């Protein structure tokens, strides 16, 4: 069975890579990450696998359109 997986708040992509390992025939893993600096690391990590089914979108997910301010603490662990 082929799956489409959406990783909202993908951070650096660990869950996306887990999904590709767990379900190798997955048709697509879409990684959504709103923080530009984090999304650059995410894209680097996904590009390293040379798998066109790993996709990155620099965006946030919400039930409504608009803009919102994010707080970002790059010096904290996990950021």
C-alpha atoms as a PDB file:
ATOM      1  CA  UNK A   1       0.000   0.000   0.000  1.00  0.00           C
ATOM      2  CA  UNK A   2       1.335   3.409  -0.964  1.00  0.00           C
ATOM      3  CA  UNK A   3       1.062   6.233   1.538  1.00  0.00           C
ATOM      4  CA  UNK A   4       1.249  10.000   1.429  1.00  0.00           C
ATOM      5  CA  UNK A   5       2.668  11.343   4.684  1.00  0.00           C
ATOM      6  CA  UNK A   6       2.640  14.965   5.840  1.00  0.00           C
ATOM      7  CA  UNK A   7       5.163  15.924   8.521  1.00  0.00           C
ATOM      8  CA  UNK A   8       3.877  19.234   9.922  1.00  0.00           C
ATOM      9  CA  UNK A   9       6.565  21.037  11.898  1.00  0.00           C
ATOM     10  CA  UNK A  10       9.186  18.790  10.340  1.00  0.00           C
ATOM     11  CA  UNK A  11      12.132  20.455  12.076  1.00  0.00           C
ATOM     12  CA  UNK A  12      15.248  18.773  10.598  1.00  0.00           C
ATOM     13  CA  UNK A  13      13.376  15.796   9.123  1.00  0.00           C
ATOM     14  CA  UNK A  14      13.967  12.899  11.506  1.00  0.00           C
ATOM     15  CA  UNK A  15      10.321  11.768  11.428  1.00  0.00           C
ATOM     16  CA  UNK A  16      10.240  11.983   7.630  1.00  0.00           C
ATOM     17  CA  UNK A  17      13.325   9.789   7.378  1.00  0.00           C
ATOM     18  CA  UNK A  18      11.840   7.341   9.878  1.00  0.00           C
ATOM     19  CA  UNK A  19       8.729   7.110   7.694  1.00  0.00           C
ATOM     20  CA  UNK A  20      10.769   6.415   4.559  1.00  0.00           C
ATOM     21  CA  UNK A  21      12.643   3.670   6.383  1.00  0.00           C
ATOM     22  CA  UNK A  22       9.467   2.208   7.926  1.00  0.00           C
ATOM     23  CA  UNK A  23       7.426   2.422   4.694  1.00  0.00           C
ATOM     24  CA  UNK A  24       9.959   2.467   1.832  1.00  0.00           C
ATOM     25  CA  UNK A  25       7.270   2.356  -0.852  1.00  0.00           C
ATOM     26  CA  UNK A  26       5.705   5.560   0.478  1.00  0.00           C
ATOM     27  CA  UNK A  27       4.647   7.612  -2.512  1.00  0.00           C
ATOM     28  CA  UNK A  28       5.503  10.960  -0.909  1.00  0.00           C
ATOM     29  CA  UNK A  29       6.598  12.541   2.364  1.00  0.00           C
ATOM     30  CA  UNK A  30       5.798  16.243   2.498  1.00  0.00           C
ATOM     31  CA  UNK A  31       7.794  18.097   5.171  1.00  0.00           C
ATOM     32  CA  UNK A  32       6.318  21.421   6.296  1.00  0.00           C
ATOM     33  CA  UNK A  33       8.595  23.674   8.336  1.00  0.00           C
ATOM     34  CA  UNK A  34       7.956  27.410   8.845  1.00  0.00           C
ATOM     35  CA  UNK A  35      11.336  28.495  10.231  1.00  0.00           C
ATOM     36  CA  UNK A  36      13.641  29.427   7.362  1.00  0.00           C
ATOM     37  CA  UNK A  37      16.916  28.541   9.143  1.00  0.00           C
ATOM     38  CA  UNK A  38      15.545  25.162  10.234  1.00  0.00           C
ATOM     39  CA  UNK A  39      14.047  24.496   6.804  1.00  0.00           C
ATOM     40  CA  UNK A  40      17.475  24.998   5.217  1.00  0.00           C
ATOM     41  CA  UNK A  41      18.876  22.205   7.416  1.00  0.00           C
ATOM     42  CA  UNK A  42      15.777  20.127   6.645  1.00  0.00           C
ATOM     43  CA  UNK A  43      16.248  20.584   2.896  1.00  0.00           C
ATOM     44  CA  UNK A  44      19.953  19.682   3.201  1.00  0.00           C
ATOM     45  CA  UNK A  45      19.035  16.499   5.079  1.00  0.00           C
ATOM     46  CA  UNK A  46      16.370  15.509   2.538  1.00  0.00           C
ATOM     47  CA  UNK A  47      18.649  16.291  -0.436  1.00  0.00           C
ATOM     48  CA  UNK A  48      21.315  13.978   1.003  1.00  0.00           C
ATOM     49  CA  UNK A  49      18.993  11.014   0.356  1.00  0.00           C
ATOM     50  CA  UNK A  50      18.488  11.879  -3.318  1.00  0.00           C
ATOM     51  CA  UNK A  51      14.863  10.750  -3.097  1.00  0.00           C
ATOM     52  CA  UNK A  52      12.390  12.840  -5.085  1.00  0.00           C
ATOM     53  CA  UNK A  53       9.525  11.641  -2.862  1.00  0.00           C
ATOM     54  CA  UNK A  54      10.931  13.643   0.094  1.00  0.00           C
ATOM     55  CA  UNK A  55       9.519  17.157  -0.397  1.00  0.00           C
ATOM     56  CA  UNK A  56      10.083  20.320   1.662  1.00  0.00           C
ATOM     57  CA  UNK A  57       7.737  23.292   1.922  1.00  0.00           C
ATOM     58  CA  UNK A  58       8.766  26.390   3.879  1.00  0.00           C
ATOM     59  CA  UNK A  59       5.345  27.158   5.319  1.00  0.00           C
ATOM     60  CA  UNK A  60       3.171  26.857   8.366  1.00  0.00           C
ATOM     61  CA  UNK A  61      -0.018  24.830   8.574  1.00  0.00           C
ATOM     62  CA  UNK A  62      -3.226  26.367   9.863  1.00  0.00           C
ATOM     63  CA  UNK A  63      -6.963  26.156   9.435  1.00  0.00           C
ATOM     64  CA  UNK A  64      -7.024  29.802   8.298  1.00  0.00           C
ATOM     65  CA  UNK A  65      -4.952  32.083   6.074  1.00  0.00           C
ATOM     66  CA  UNK A  66      -2.842  34.890   7.415  1.00  0.00           C
ATOM     67  CA  UNK A  67       0.456  35.661   9.032  1.00  0.00           C
ATOM     68  CA  UNK A  68       1.664  34.975  12.527  1.00  0.00           C
ATOM     69  CA  UNK A  69       4.852  35.807  14.394  1.00  0.00           C
ATOM     70  CA  UNK A  70       6.981  32.900  15.556  1.00  0.00           C
ATOM     71  CA  UNK A  71       9.378  32.981  18.450  1.00  0.00           C
ATOM     72  CA  UNK A  72      12.646  31.297  17.631  1.00  0.00           C
ATOM     73  CA  UNK A  73      15.404  30.569  20.123  1.00  0.00           C
ATOM     74  CA  UNK A  74      18.348  29.235  18.090  1.00  0.00           C
ATOM     75  CA  UNK A  75      20.590  28.859  21.157  1.00  0.00           C
ATOM     76  CA  UNK A  76      18.197  26.447  22.903  1.00  0.00           C
ATOM     77  CA  UNK A  77      18.678  22.682  22.518  1.00  0.00           C
ATOM     78  CA  UNK A  78      16.351  21.205  19.930  1.00  0.00           C
ATOM     79  CA  UNK A  79      16.102  24.351  17.839  1.00  0.00           C
END
